Amino acid sequence: MRGSRAVVTGGAGFIGSIILEALAERGVDLGVVEMADRMVPRMMGPQAGGLLQRWCESKGVGVHTGVAVEAIETDGVRLGDGSLVPADLVITATGVRPNVAFLDGSGVGIEQ
């Protein structure tokens, strides 16, 4: 794995950060793409998210925030701004949303 290039797309959140840490320990060249304006946008505010981003960048992680994935190509990930993030491996860490539609009309209260 050492020397491989990996990009985590759809998430610089909690799960994406854990994946980044595990790959960094194995010597993988890393990139992360987050559509929000900062890393861990649902967990931390702008100051803490910015601190985490600067720390990742200081460790050599290419952080791309505020941009979407346009396409996954044979040589990497094409971003909405036209740039290409080279990758041998692409991991999608988009999170999940529970399927609770079957509870409609059941009387069970659901807050989303």
PDB file of N, CA and C in Angstrom:
ATOM      1  N   MET A   1       0.799  -1.196   0.000  1.00  0.00           N
ATOM      2  CA  MET A   1       0.000   0.000   0.000  1.00  0.00           C
ATOM      3  C   MET A   1       0.842   1.262   0.000  1.00  0.00           C
ATOM      4  N   ARG A   2       2.026   1.218   0.604  1.00  0.00           N
ATOM      5  CA  ARG A   2       2.876   2.398   0.657  1.00  0.00           C
ATOM      6  C   ARG A   2       3.112   2.914  -0.761  1.00  0.00           C
ATOM      7  N   GLY A   3       2.916   4.223  -0.943  1.00  0.00           N
ATOM      8  CA  GLY A   3       3.102   4.830  -2.253  1.00  0.00           C
ATOM      9  C   GLY A   3       1.859   4.835  -3.115  1.00  0.00           C
ATOM     10  N   SER A   4       0.820   4.110  -2.711  1.00  0.00           N
ATOM     11  CA  SER A   4      -0.452   4.149  -3.437  1.00  0.00           C
ATOM     12  C   SER A   4      -1.094   5.512  -3.223  1.00  0.00           C
ATOM     13  N   ARG A   5      -2.004   5.861  -4.129  1.00  0.00           N
ATOM     14  CA  ARG A   5      -2.725   7.129  -4.022  1.00  0.00           C
ATOM     15  C   ARG A   5      -4.196   6.820  -3.796  1.00  0.00           C
ATOM     16  N   ALA A   6      -4.765   7.391  -2.736  1.00  0.00           N
ATOM     17  CA  ALA A   6      -6.174   7.162  -2.432  1.00  0.00           C
ATOM     18  C   ALA A   6      -6.867   8.497  -2.218  1.00  0.00           C
ATOM     19  N   VAL A   7      -8.120   8.552  -2.643  1.00  0.00           N
ATOM     20  CA  VAL A   7      -8.950   9.738  -2.428  1.00  0.00           C
ATOM     21  C   VAL A   7     -10.227   9.300  -1.730  1.00  0.00           C
ATOM     22  N   VAL A   8     -10.543   9.976  -0.641  1.00  0.00           N
ATOM     23  CA  VAL A   8     -11.803   9.750   0.061  1.00  0.00           C
ATOM     24  C   VAL A   8     -12.764  10.827  -0.424  1.00  0.00           C
ATOM     25  N   THR A   9     -13.868  10.414  -1.036  1.00  0.00           N
ATOM     26  CA  THR A   9     -14.837  11.365  -1.587  1.00  0.00           C
ATOM     27  C   THR A   9     -16.093  11.383  -0.741  1.00  0.00           C
ATOM     28  N   GLY A  10     -16.794  12.495  -0.821  1.00  0.00           N
ATOM     29  CA  GLY A  10     -18.085  12.599  -0.172  1.00  0.00           C
ATOM     30  C   GLY A  10     -17.993  12.690   1.333  1.00  0.00           C
ATOM     31  N   GLY A  11     -16.816  12.894   1.827  1.00  0.00           N
ATOM     32  CA  GLY A  11     -16.813  12.972   3.263  1.00  0.00           C
ATOM     33  C   GLY A  11     -15.497  13.261   3.913  1.00  0.00           C
ATOM     34  N   ALA A  12     -15.428  14.437   4.493  1.00  0.00           N
ATOM     35  CA  ALA A  12     -14.351  14.740   5.412  1.00  0.00           C
ATOM     36  C   ALA A  12     -14.991  14.829   6.783  1.00  0.00           C
ATOM     37  N   GLY A  13     -15.926  13.923   7.021  1.00  0.00           N
ATOM     38  CA  GLY A  13     -16.595  13.841   8.310  1.00  0.00           C
ATOM     39  C   GLY A  13     -15.909  12.813   9.186  1.00  0.00           C
ATOM     40  N   PHE A  14     -16.643  12.299  10.150  1.00  0.00           N
ATOM     41  CA  PHE A  14     -16.078  11.380  11.128  1.00  0.00           C
ATOM     42  C   PHE A  14     -15.550  10.109  10.471  1.00  0.00           C
ATOM     43  N   ILE A  15     -16.366   9.444   9.679  1.00  0.00           N
ATOM     44  CA  ILE A  15     -15.948   8.177   9.064  1.00  0.00           C
ATOM     45  C   ILE A  15     -14.824   8.412   8.063  1.00  0.00           C
ATOM     46  N   GLY A  16     -14.955   9.451   7.243  1.00  0.00           N
ATOM     47  CA  GLY A  16     -13.889   9.761   6.298  1.00  0.00           C
ATOM     48  C   GLY A  16     -12.564  10.036   6.993  1.00  0.00           C
ATOM     49  N   SER A  17     -12.614  10.722   8.138  1.00  0.00           N
ATOM     50  CA  SER A  17     -11.387  11.022   8.881  1.00  0.00           C
ATOM     51  C   SER A  17     -10.745   9.762   9.458  1.00  0.00           C
ATOM     52  N   ILE A  18     -11.560   8.827   9.908  1.00  0.00           N
ATOM     53  CA  ILE A  18     -11.020   7.555  10.409  1.00  0.00           C
ATOM     54  C   ILE A  18     -10.347   6.786   9.278  1.00  0.00           C
ATOM     55  N   ILE A  19     -10.958   6.791   8.110  1.00  0.00           N
ATOM     56  CA  ILE A  19     -10.366   6.119   6.946  1.00  0.00           C
ATOM     57  C   ILE A  19      -9.040   6.786   6.587  1.00  0.00           C
ATOM     58  N   LEU A  20      -9.015   8.112   6.580  1.00  0.00           N
ATOM     59  CA  LEU A  20      -7.779   8.835   6.275  1.00  0.00           C
ATOM     60  C   LEU A  20      -6.675   8.461   7.250  1.00  0.00           C
ATOM     61  N   GLU A  21      -7.006   8.398   8.523  1.00  0.00           N
ATOM     62  CA  GLU A  21      -5.997   8.057   9.528  1.00  0.00           C
ATOM     63  C   GLU A  21      -5.428   6.667   9.287  1.00  0.00           C
ATOM     64  N   ALA A  22      -6.305   5.690   9.018  1.00  0.00           N
ATOM     65  CA  ALA A  22      -5.846   4.310   8.801  1.00  0.00           C
ATOM     66  C   ALA A  22      -4.946   4.214   7.575  1.00  0.00           C
ATOM     67  N   LEU A  23      -5.293   4.921   6.503  1.00  0.00           N
ATOM     68  CA  LEU A  23      -4.483   4.875   5.286  1.00  0.00           C
ATOM     69  C   LEU A  23      -3.161   5.626   5.472  1.00  0.00           C
ATOM     70  N   ALA A  24      -3.195   6.730   6.201  1.00  0.00           N
ATOM     71  CA  ALA A  24      -1.966   7.493   6.452  1.00  0.00           C
ATOM     72  C   ALA A  24      -0.951   6.641   7.211  1.00  0.00           C
ATOM     73  N   GLU A  25      -1.419   5.835   8.156  1.00  0.00           N
ATOM     74  CA  GLU A  25      -0.523   4.955   8.912  1.00  0.00           C
ATOM     75  C   GLU A  25       0.155   3.922   8.017  1.00  0.00           C
ATOM     76  N   ARG A  26      -0.431   3.661   6.854  1.00  0.00           N
ATOM     77  CA  ARG A  26       0.113   2.680   5.919  1.00  0.00           C
ATOM     78  C   ARG A  26       0.923   3.327   4.799  1.00  0.00           C
ATOM     79  N   GLY A  27       1.149   4.636   4.891  1.00  0.00           N
ATOM     80  CA  GLY A  27       1.996   5.316   3.929  1.00  0.00           C
ATOM     81  C   GLY A  27       1.346   5.633   2.600  1.00  0.00           C
ATOM     82  N   VAL A  28       0.029   5.712   2.579  1.00  0.00           N
ATOM     83  CA  VAL A  28      -0.701   6.012   1.346  1.00  0.00           C
ATOM     84  C   VAL A  28      -0.717   7.528   1.125  1.00  0.00           C
ATOM     85  N   ASP A  29      -0.518   7.964  -0.122  1.00  0.00           N
ATOM     86  CA  ASP A  29      -0.675   9.374  -0.478  1.00  0.00           C
ATOM     87  C   ASP A  29      -2.171   9.655  -0.518  1.00  0.00           C
ATOM     88  N   LEU A  30      -2.614  10.668   0.226  1.00  0.00           N
ATOM     89  CA  LEU A  30      -4.043  10.854   0.437  1.00  0.00           C
ATOM     90  C   LEU A  30      -4.584  12.168  -0.079  1.00  0.00           C
ATOM     91  N   GLY A  31      -5.836  12.093  -0.490  1.00  0.00           N
ATOM     92  CA  GLY A  31      -6.628  13.266  -0.809  1.00  0.00           C
ATOM     93  C   GLY A  31      -8.020  13.055  -0.253  1.00  0.00           C
ATOM     94  N   VAL A  32      -8.703  14.149   0.039  1.00  0.00           N
ATOM     95  CA  VAL A  32     -10.081  14.071   0.521  1.00  0.00           C
ATOM     96  C   VAL A  32     -10.881  15.180  -0.144  1.00  0.00           C
ATOM     97  N   VAL A  33     -12.112  14.844  -0.534  1.00  0.00           N
ATOM     98  CA  VAL A  33     -13.001  15.806  -1.184  1.00  0.00           C
ATOM     99  C   VAL A  33     -14.238  15.969  -0.316  1.00  0.00           C
ATOM    100  N   GLU A  34     -14.540  17.194   0.045  1.00  0.00           N
ATOM    101  CA  GLU A  34     -15.711  17.512   0.869  1.00  0.00           C
ATOM    102  C   GLU A  34     -16.479  18.645   0.204  1.00  0.00           C
ATOM    103  N   MET A  35     -17.764  18.428  -0.071  1.00  0.00           N
ATOM    104  CA  MET A  35     -18.573  19.456  -0.729  1.00  0.00           C
ATOM    105  C   MET A  35     -18.791  20.680   0.157  1.00  0.00           C
ATOM    106  N   ALA A  36     -18.804  20.488   1.463  1.00  0.00           N
ATOM    107  CA  ALA A  36     -18.985  21.625   2.370  1.00  0.00           C
ATOM    108  C   ALA A  36     -17.725  22.495   2.366  1.00  0.00           C
ATOM    109  N   ASP A  37     -17.811  23.620   3.050  1.00  0.00           N
ATOM    110  CA  ASP A  37     -16.699  24.573   3.042  1.00  0.00           C
ATOM    111  C   ASP A  37     -15.565  24.219   3.994  1.00  0.00           C
ATOM    112  N   ARG A  38     -15.711  23.092   4.733  1.00  0.00           N
ATOM    113  CA  ARG A  38     -14.661  22.717   5.687  1.00  0.00           C
ATOM    114  C   ARG A  38     -14.757  21.227   5.983  1.00  0.00           C
ATOM    115  N   MET A  39     -13.730  20.720   6.602  1.00  0.00           N
ATOM    116  CA  MET A  39     -13.751  19.330   7.046  1.00  0.00           C
ATOM    117  C   MET A  39     -14.689  19.210   8.249  1.00  0.00           C
ATOM    118  N   VAL A  40     -15.170  18.031   8.486  1.00  0.00           N
ATOM    119  CA  VAL A  40     -16.119  17.678   9.564  1.00  0.00           C
ATOM    120  C   VAL A  40     -17.189  18.759   9.766  1.00  0.00           C
ATOM    121  N   PRO A  41     -17.908  19.100   8.695  1.00  0.00           N
ATOM    122  CA  PRO A  41     -18.840  20.228   8.765  1.00  0.00           C
ATOM    123  C   PRO A  41     -20.032  20.006   9.688  1.00  0.00           C
ATOM    124  N   ARG A  42     -20.430  18.771   9.931  1.00  0.00           N
ATOM    125  CA  ARG A  42     -21.575  18.520  10.800  1.00  0.00           C
ATOM    126  C   ARG A  42     -21.151  18.281  12.248  1.00  0.00           C
ATOM    127  N   MET A  43     -19.854  18.223  12.483  1.00  0.00           N
ATOM    128  CA  MET A  43     -19.365  17.958  13.835  1.00  0.00           C
ATOM    129  C   MET A  43     -18.704  19.172  14.478  1.00  0.00           C
ATOM    130  N   MET A  44     -18.096  20.021  13.644  1.00  0.00           N
ATOM    131  CA  MET A  44     -17.315  21.143  14.189  1.00  0.00           C
ATOM    132  C   MET A  44     -17.623  22.415  13.426  1.00  0.00           C
ATOM    133  N   GLY A  45     -17.417  23.516  14.101  1.00  0.00           N
ATOM    134  CA  GLY A  45     -17.599  24.818  13.472  1.00  0.00           C
ATOM    135  C   GLY A  45     -16.433  25.150  12.555  1.00  0.00           C
ATOM    136  N   PRO A  46     -16.506  26.319  11.935  1.00  0.00           N
ATOM    137  CA  PRO A  46     -15.461  26.711  10.980  1.00  0.00           C
ATOM    138  C   PRO A  46     -14.052  26.754  11.563  1.00  0.00           C
ATOM    139  N   GLN A  47     -13.899  27.234  12.788  1.00  0.00           N
ATOM    140  CA  GLN A  47     -12.558  27.340  13.360  1.00  0.00           C
ATOM    141  C   GLN A  47     -11.955  25.955  13.605  1.00  0.00           C
ATOM    142  N   ALA A  48     -12.703  25.055  14.220  1.00  0.00           N
ATOM    143  CA  ALA A  48     -12.194  23.706  14.494  1.00  0.00           C
ATOM    144  C   ALA A  48     -12.014  22.922  13.203  1.00  0.00           C
ATOM    145  N   GLY A  49     -12.965  23.058  12.253  1.00  0.00           N
ATOM    146  CA  GLY A  49     -12.822  22.386  10.964  1.00  0.00           C
ATOM    147  C   GLY A  49     -11.601  22.866  10.212  1.00  0.00           C
ATOM    148  N   GLY A  50     -11.340  24.173  10.288  1.00  0.00           N
ATOM    149  CA  GLY A  50     -10.146  24.732   9.654  1.00  0.00           C
ATOM    150  C   GLY A  50      -8.861  24.243  10.299  1.00  0.00           C
ATOM    151  N   LEU A  51      -8.889  24.101  11.615  1.00  0.00           N
ATOM    152  CA  LEU A  51      -7.726  23.573  12.330  1.00  0.00           C
ATOM    153  C   LEU A  51      -7.424  22.147  11.883  1.00  0.00           C
ATOM    154  N   LEU A  52      -8.448  21.327  11.781  1.00  0.00           N
ATOM    155  CA  LEU A  52      -8.265  19.952  11.323  1.00  0.00           C
ATOM    156  C   LEU A  52      -7.745  19.931   9.885  1.00  0.00           C
ATOM    157  N   GLN A  53      -8.280  20.787   9.039  1.00  0.00           N
ATOM    158  CA  GLN A  53      -7.817  20.836   7.650  1.00  0.00           C
ATOM    159  C   GLN A  53      -6.341  21.217   7.577  1.00  0.00           C
ATOM    160  N   ARG A  54      -5.935  22.225   8.321  1.00  0.00           N
ATOM    161  CA  ARG A  54      -4.529  22.636   8.300  1.00  0.00           C
ATOM    162  C   ARG A  54      -3.622  21.520   8.822  1.00  0.00           C
ATOM    163  N   TRP A  55      -4.075  20.793   9.842  1.00  0.00           N
ATOM    164  CA  TRP A  55      -3.286  19.686  10.369  1.00  0.00           C
ATOM    165  C   TRP A  55      -3.144  18.600   9.305  1.00  0.00           C
ATOM    166  N   CYS A  56      -4.246  18.251   8.627  1.00  0.00           N
ATOM    167  CA  CYS A  56      -4.182  17.232   7.566  1.00  0.00           C
ATOM    168  C   CYS A  56      -3.235  17.666   6.458  1.00  0.00           C
ATOM    169  N   GLU A  57      -3.353  18.918   6.054  1.00  0.00           N
ATOM    170  CA  GLU A  57      -2.472  19.424   4.995  1.00  0.00           C
ATOM    171  C   GLU A  57      -1.016  19.391   5.427  1.00  0.00           C
ATOM    172  N   SER A  58      -0.740  19.651   6.702  1.00  0.00           N
ATOM    173  CA  SER A  58       0.638  19.597   7.186  1.00  0.00           C
ATOM    174  C   SER A  58       1.194  18.178   7.149  1.00  0.00           C
ATOM    175  N   LYS A  59       0.310  17.192   7.126  1.00  0.00           N
ATOM    176  CA  LYS A  59       0.704  15.782   7.039  1.00  0.00           C
ATOM    177  C   LYS A  59       0.729  15.288   5.590  1.00  0.00           C
ATOM    178  N   GLY A  60       0.495  16.200   4.634  1.00  0.00           N
ATOM    179  CA  GLY A  60       0.567  15.838   3.227  1.00  0.00           C
ATOM    180  C   GLY A  60      -0.740  15.417   2.590  1.00  0.00           C
ATOM    181  N   VAL A  61      -1.851  15.531   3.317  1.00  0.00           N
ATOM    182  CA  VAL A  61      -3.152  15.178   2.750  1.00  0.00           C
ATOM    183  C   VAL A  61      -3.633  16.334   1.881  1.00  0.00           C
ATOM    184  N   GLY A  62      -4.012  16.026   0.652  1.00  0.00           N
ATOM    185  CA  GLY A  62      -4.590  17.033  -0.224  1.00  0.00           C
ATOM    186  C   GLY A  62      -6.058  17.207   0.124  1.00  0.00           C
ATOM    187  N   VAL A  63      -6.431  18.361   0.664  1.00  0.00           N
ATOM    188  CA  VAL A  63      -7.796  18.612   1.102  1.00  0.00           C
ATOM    189  C   VAL A  63      -8.488  19.509   0.087  1.00  0.00           C
ATOM    190  N   HIS A  64      -9.627  19.056  -0.405  1.00  0.00           N
ATOM    191  CA  HIS A  64     -10.409  19.810  -1.395  1.00  0.00           C
ATOM    192  C   HIS A  64     -11.789  20.029  -0.806  1.00  0.00           C
ATOM    193  N   THR A  65     -12.072  21.262  -0.377  1.00  0.00           N
ATOM    194  CA  THR A  65     -13.368  21.577   0.208  1.00  0.00           C
ATOM    195  C   THR A  65     -14.130  22.520  -0.710  1.00  0.00           C
ATOM    196  N   GLY A  66     -15.439  22.535  -0.544  1.00  0.00           N
ATOM    197  CA  GLY A  66     -16.271  23.429  -1.331  1.00  0.00           C
ATOM    198  C   GLY A  66     -16.353  23.042  -2.795  1.00  0.00           C
ATOM    199  N   VAL A  67     -16.150  21.770  -3.091  1.00  0.00           N
ATOM    200  CA  VAL A  67     -16.179  21.300  -4.474  1.00  0.00           C
ATOM    201  C   VAL A  67     -16.770  19.888  -4.506  1.00  0.00           C
ATOM    202  N   ALA A  68     -17.489  19.599  -5.568  1.00  0.00           N
ATOM    203  CA  ALA A  68     -18.116  18.283  -5.709  1.00  0.00           C
ATOM    204  C   ALA A  68     -17.300  17.394  -6.641  1.00  0.00           C
ATOM    205  N   VAL A  69     -17.541  16.107  -6.545  1.00  0.00           N
ATOM    206  CA  VAL A  69     -16.953  15.146  -7.478  1.00  0.00           C
ATOM    207  C   VAL A  69     -17.785  15.166  -8.751  1.00  0.00           C
ATOM    208  N   GLU A  70     -17.134  15.390  -9.853  1.00  0.00           N
ATOM    209  CA  GLU A  70     -17.797  15.387 -11.157  1.00  0.00           C
ATOM    210  C   GLU A  70     -17.815  13.979 -11.740  1.00  0.00           C
ATOM    211  N   ALA A  71     -16.682  13.266 -11.612  1.00  0.00           N
ATOM    212  CA  ALA A  71     -16.582  11.920 -12.186  1.00  0.00           C
ATOM    213  C   ALA A  71     -15.420  11.175 -11.551  1.00  0.00           C
ATOM    214  N   ILE A  72     -15.546   9.862 -11.534  1.00  0.00           N
ATOM    215  CA  ILE A  72     -14.427   8.999 -11.155  1.00  0.00           C
ATOM    216  C   ILE A  72     -13.888   8.422 -12.454  1.00  0.00           C
ATOM    217  N   GLU A  73     -12.629   8.730 -12.735  1.00  0.00           N
ATOM    218  CA  GLU A  73     -12.001   8.328 -13.987  1.00  0.00           C
ATOM    219  C   GLU A  73     -10.930   7.281 -13.718  1.00  0.00           C
ATOM    220  N   THR A  74     -10.366   6.712 -14.754  1.00  0.00           N
ATOM    221  CA  THR A  74      -9.376   5.650 -14.587  1.00  0.00           C
ATOM    222  C   THR A  74      -8.118   6.122 -13.857  1.00  0.00           C
ATOM    223  N   ASP A  75      -7.811   7.406 -13.957  1.00  0.00           N
ATOM    224  CA  ASP A  75      -6.588   7.903 -13.320  1.00  0.00           C
ATOM    225  C   ASP A  75      -6.847   8.781 -12.103  1.00  0.00           C
ATOM    226  N   GLY A  76      -8.105   8.887 -11.672  1.00  0.00           N
ATOM    227  CA  GLY A  76      -8.381   9.672 -10.478  1.00  0.00           C
ATOM    228  C   GLY A  76      -9.792  10.201 -10.420  1.00  0.00           C
ATOM    229  N   VAL A  77      -9.954  11.252  -9.632  1.00  0.00           N
ATOM    230  CA  VAL A  77     -11.259  11.845  -9.389  1.00  0.00           C
ATOM    231  C   VAL A  77     -11.289  13.232 -10.024  1.00  0.00           C
ATOM    232  N   ARG A  78     -12.249  13.446 -10.911  1.00  0.00           N
ATOM    233  CA  ARG A  78     -12.426  14.746 -11.566  1.00  0.00           C
ATOM    234  C   ARG A  78     -13.380  15.570 -10.709  1.00  0.00           C
ATOM    235  N   LEU A  79     -12.923  16.761 -10.331  1.00  0.00           N
ATOM    236  CA  LEU A  79     -13.729  17.636  -9.491  1.00  0.00           C
ATOM    237  C   LEU A  79     -14.556  18.590 -10.330  1.00  0.00           C
ATOM    238  N   GLY A  80     -15.562  19.178  -9.710  1.00  0.00           N
ATOM    239  CA  GLY A  80     -16.452  20.098 -10.393  1.00  0.00           C
ATOM    240  C   GLY A  80     -15.749  21.314 -10.960  1.00  0.00           C
ATOM    241  N   ASP A  81     -14.581  21.662 -10.427  1.00  0.00           N
ATOM    242  CA  ASP A  81     -13.823  22.804 -10.955  1.00  0.00           C
ATOM    243  C   ASP A  81     -12.914  22.400 -12.116  1.00  0.00           C
ATOM    244  N   GLY A  82     -13.000  21.120 -12.529  1.00  0.00           N
ATOM    245  CA  GLY A  82     -12.216  20.633 -13.659  1.00  0.00           C
ATOM    246  C   GLY A  82     -10.890  19.998 -13.288  1.00  0.00           C
ATOM    247  N   SER A  83     -10.438  20.170 -12.062  1.00  0.00           N
ATOM    248  CA  SER A  83      -9.151  19.593 -11.664  1.00  0.00           C
ATOM    249  C   SER A  83      -9.269  18.083 -11.462  1.00  0.00           C
ATOM    250  N   LEU A  84      -8.128  17.403 -11.561  1.00  0.00           N
ATOM    251  CA  LEU A  84      -8.073  15.959 -11.379  1.00  0.00           C
ATOM    252  C   LEU A  84      -7.229  15.657 -10.144  1.00  0.00           C
ATOM    253  N   VAL A  85      -7.778  14.848  -9.231  1.00  0.00           N
ATOM    254  CA  VAL A  85      -7.029  14.379  -8.069  1.00  0.00           C
ATOM    255  C   VAL A  85      -6.602  12.958  -8.396  1.00  0.00           C
ATOM    256  N   PRO A  86      -5.310  12.723  -8.633  1.00  0.00           N
ATOM    257  CA  PRO A  86      -4.846  11.385  -9.016  1.00  0.00           C
ATOM    258  C   PRO A  86      -5.152  10.354  -7.929  1.00  0.00           C
ATOM    259  N   ALA A  87      -5.575   9.155  -8.355  1.00  0.00           N
ATOM    260  CA  ALA A  87      -5.909   8.111  -7.383  1.00  0.00           C
ATOM    261  C   ALA A  87      -5.812   6.730  -8.013  1.00  0.00           C
ATOM    262  N   ASP A  88      -5.290   5.797  -7.221  1.00  0.00           N
ATOM    263  CA  ASP A  88      -5.331   4.378  -7.554  1.00  0.00           C
ATOM    264  C   ASP A  88      -6.557   3.736  -6.915  1.00  0.00           C
ATOM    265  N   LEU A  89      -7.042   4.352  -5.823  1.00  0.00           N
ATOM    266  CA  LEU A  89      -8.168   3.848  -5.051  1.00  0.00           C
ATOM    267  C   LEU A  89      -9.061   5.019  -4.687  1.00  0.00           C
ATOM    268  N   VAL A  90     -10.363   4.851  -4.878  1.00  0.00           N
ATOM    269  CA  VAL A  90     -11.339   5.874  -4.497  1.00  0.00           C
ATOM    270  C   VAL A  90     -12.283   5.253  -3.474  1.00  0.00           C
ATOM    271  N   ILE A  91     -12.428   5.918  -2.348  1.00  0.00           N
ATOM    272  CA  ILE A  91     -13.311   5.456  -1.275  1.00  0.00           C
ATOM    273  C   ILE A  91     -14.403   6.495  -1.095  1.00  0.00           C
ATOM    274  N   THR A  92     -15.638   6.048  -1.085  1.00  0.00           N
ATOM    275  CA  THR A  92     -16.755   6.954  -0.868  1.00  0.00           C
ATOM    276  C   THR A  92     -17.225   6.829   0.569  1.00  0.00           C
ATOM    277  N   ALA A  93     -17.202   7.931   1.281  1.00  0.00           N
ATOM    278  CA  ALA A  93     -17.620   7.965   2.685  1.00  0.00           C
ATOM    279  C   ALA A  93     -18.700   9.028   2.833  1.00  0.00           C
ATOM    280  N   THR A  94     -19.843   8.771   2.239  1.00  0.00           N
ATOM    281  CA  THR A  94     -20.891   9.781   2.177  1.00  0.00           C
ATOM    282  C   THR A  94     -21.828   9.786   3.365  1.00  0.00           C
ATOM    283  N   GLY A  95     -21.682   8.839   4.255  1.00  0.00           N
ATOM    284  CA  GLY A  95     -22.602   8.773   5.381  1.00  0.00           C
ATOM    285  C   GLY A  95     -23.872   8.048   4.978  1.00  0.00           C
ATOM    286  N   VAL A  96     -24.777   7.969   5.901  1.00  0.00           N
ATOM    287  CA  VAL A  96     -26.025   7.247   5.647  1.00  0.00           C
ATOM    288  C   VAL A  96     -27.201   8.047   6.178  1.00  0.00           C
ATOM    289  N   ARG A  97     -28.347   7.733   5.659  1.00  0.00           N
ATOM    290  CA  ARG A  97     -29.596   8.288   6.151  1.00  0.00           C
ATOM    291  C   ARG A  97     -30.544   7.109   6.316  1.00  0.00           C
ATOM    292  N   PRO A  98     -31.119   6.928   7.480  1.00  0.00           N
ATOM    293  CA  PRO A  98     -31.980   5.769   7.690  1.00  0.00           C
ATOM    294  C   PRO A  98     -33.228   5.811   6.818  1.00  0.00           C
ATOM    295  N   ASN A  99     -33.647   4.645   6.360  1.00  0.00           N
ATOM    296  CA  ASN A  99     -34.874   4.522   5.581  1.00  0.00           C
ATOM    297  C   ASN A  99     -36.020   4.309   6.557  1.00  0.00           C
ATOM    298  N   VAL A 100     -36.766   5.373   6.811  1.00  0.00           N
ATOM    299  CA  VAL A 100     -37.871   5.303   7.758  1.00  0.00           C
ATOM    300  C   VAL A 100     -39.220   5.505   7.083  1.00  0.00           C
ATOM    301  N   ALA A 101     -39.240   5.493   5.761  1.00  0.00           N
ATOM    302  CA  ALA A 101     -40.477   5.735   5.017  1.00  0.00           C
ATOM    303  C   ALA A 101     -41.563   4.729   5.374  1.00  0.00           C
ATOM    304  N   PHE A 102     -41.165   3.506   5.712  1.00  0.00           N
ATOM    305  CA  PHE A 102     -42.156   2.480   6.044  1.00  0.00           C
ATOM    306  C   PHE A 102     -42.933   2.812   7.322  1.00  0.00           C
ATOM    307  N   LEU A 103     -42.466   3.787   8.089  1.00  0.00           N
ATOM    308  CA  LEU A 103     -43.147   4.173   9.318  1.00  0.00           C
ATOM    309  C   LEU A 103     -44.206   5.247   9.106  1.00  0.00           C
ATOM    310  N   ASP A 104     -44.291   5.795   7.885  1.00  0.00           N
ATOM    311  CA  ASP A 104     -45.300   6.805   7.591  1.00  0.00           C
ATOM    312  C   ASP A 104     -46.682   6.267   7.945  1.00  0.00           C
ATOM    313  N   GLY A 105     -47.422   7.083   8.696  1.00  0.00           N
ATOM    314  CA  GLY A 105     -48.786   6.712   9.074  1.00  0.00           C
ATOM    315  C   GLY A 105     -48.862   5.702  10.212  1.00  0.00           C
ATOM    316  N   SER A 106     -47.749   5.316  10.783  1.00  0.00           N
ATOM    317  CA  SER A 106     -47.757   4.293  11.835  1.00  0.00           C
ATOM    318  C   SER A 106     -47.984   4.893  13.226  1.00  0.00           C
ATOM    319  N   GLY A 107     -47.856   6.189  13.344  1.00  0.00           N
ATOM    320  CA  GLY A 107     -47.969   6.811  14.647  1.00  0.00           C
ATOM    321  C   GLY A 107     -46.633   6.953  15.357  1.00  0.00           C
ATOM    322  N   VAL A 108     -45.599   6.357  14.799  1.00  0.00           N
ATOM    323  CA  VAL A 108     -44.255   6.478  15.380  1.00  0.00           C
ATOM    324  C   VAL A 108     -43.702   7.850  14.993  1.00  0.00           C
ATOM    325  N   GLY A 109     -43.276   8.616  15.995  1.00  0.00           N
ATOM    326  CA  GLY A 109     -42.727   9.942  15.724  1.00  0.00           C
ATOM    327  C   GLY A 109     -41.313   9.862  15.188  1.00  0.00           C
ATOM    328  N   ILE A 110     -41.046  10.597  14.121  1.00  0.00           N
ATOM    329  CA  ILE A 110     -39.726  10.610  13.489  1.00  0.00           C
ATOM    330  C   ILE A 110     -39.319  12.059  13.279  1.00  0.00           C
ATOM    331  N   GLU A 111     -38.132  12.404  13.740  1.00  0.00           N
ATOM    332  CA  GLU A 111     -37.577  13.719  13.470  1.00  0.00           C
ATOM    333  C   GLU A 111     -36.400  13.554  12.546  1.00  0.00           C
ATOM    334  N   GLN A 112     -36.424  14.260  11.436  1.00  0.00           N
ATOM    335  CA  GLN A 112     -35.313  14.158  10.472  1.00  0.00           C
ATOM    336  C   GLN A 112     -34.666  15.482  10.278  1.00  0.00           C
TER     337      GLN A 112
END
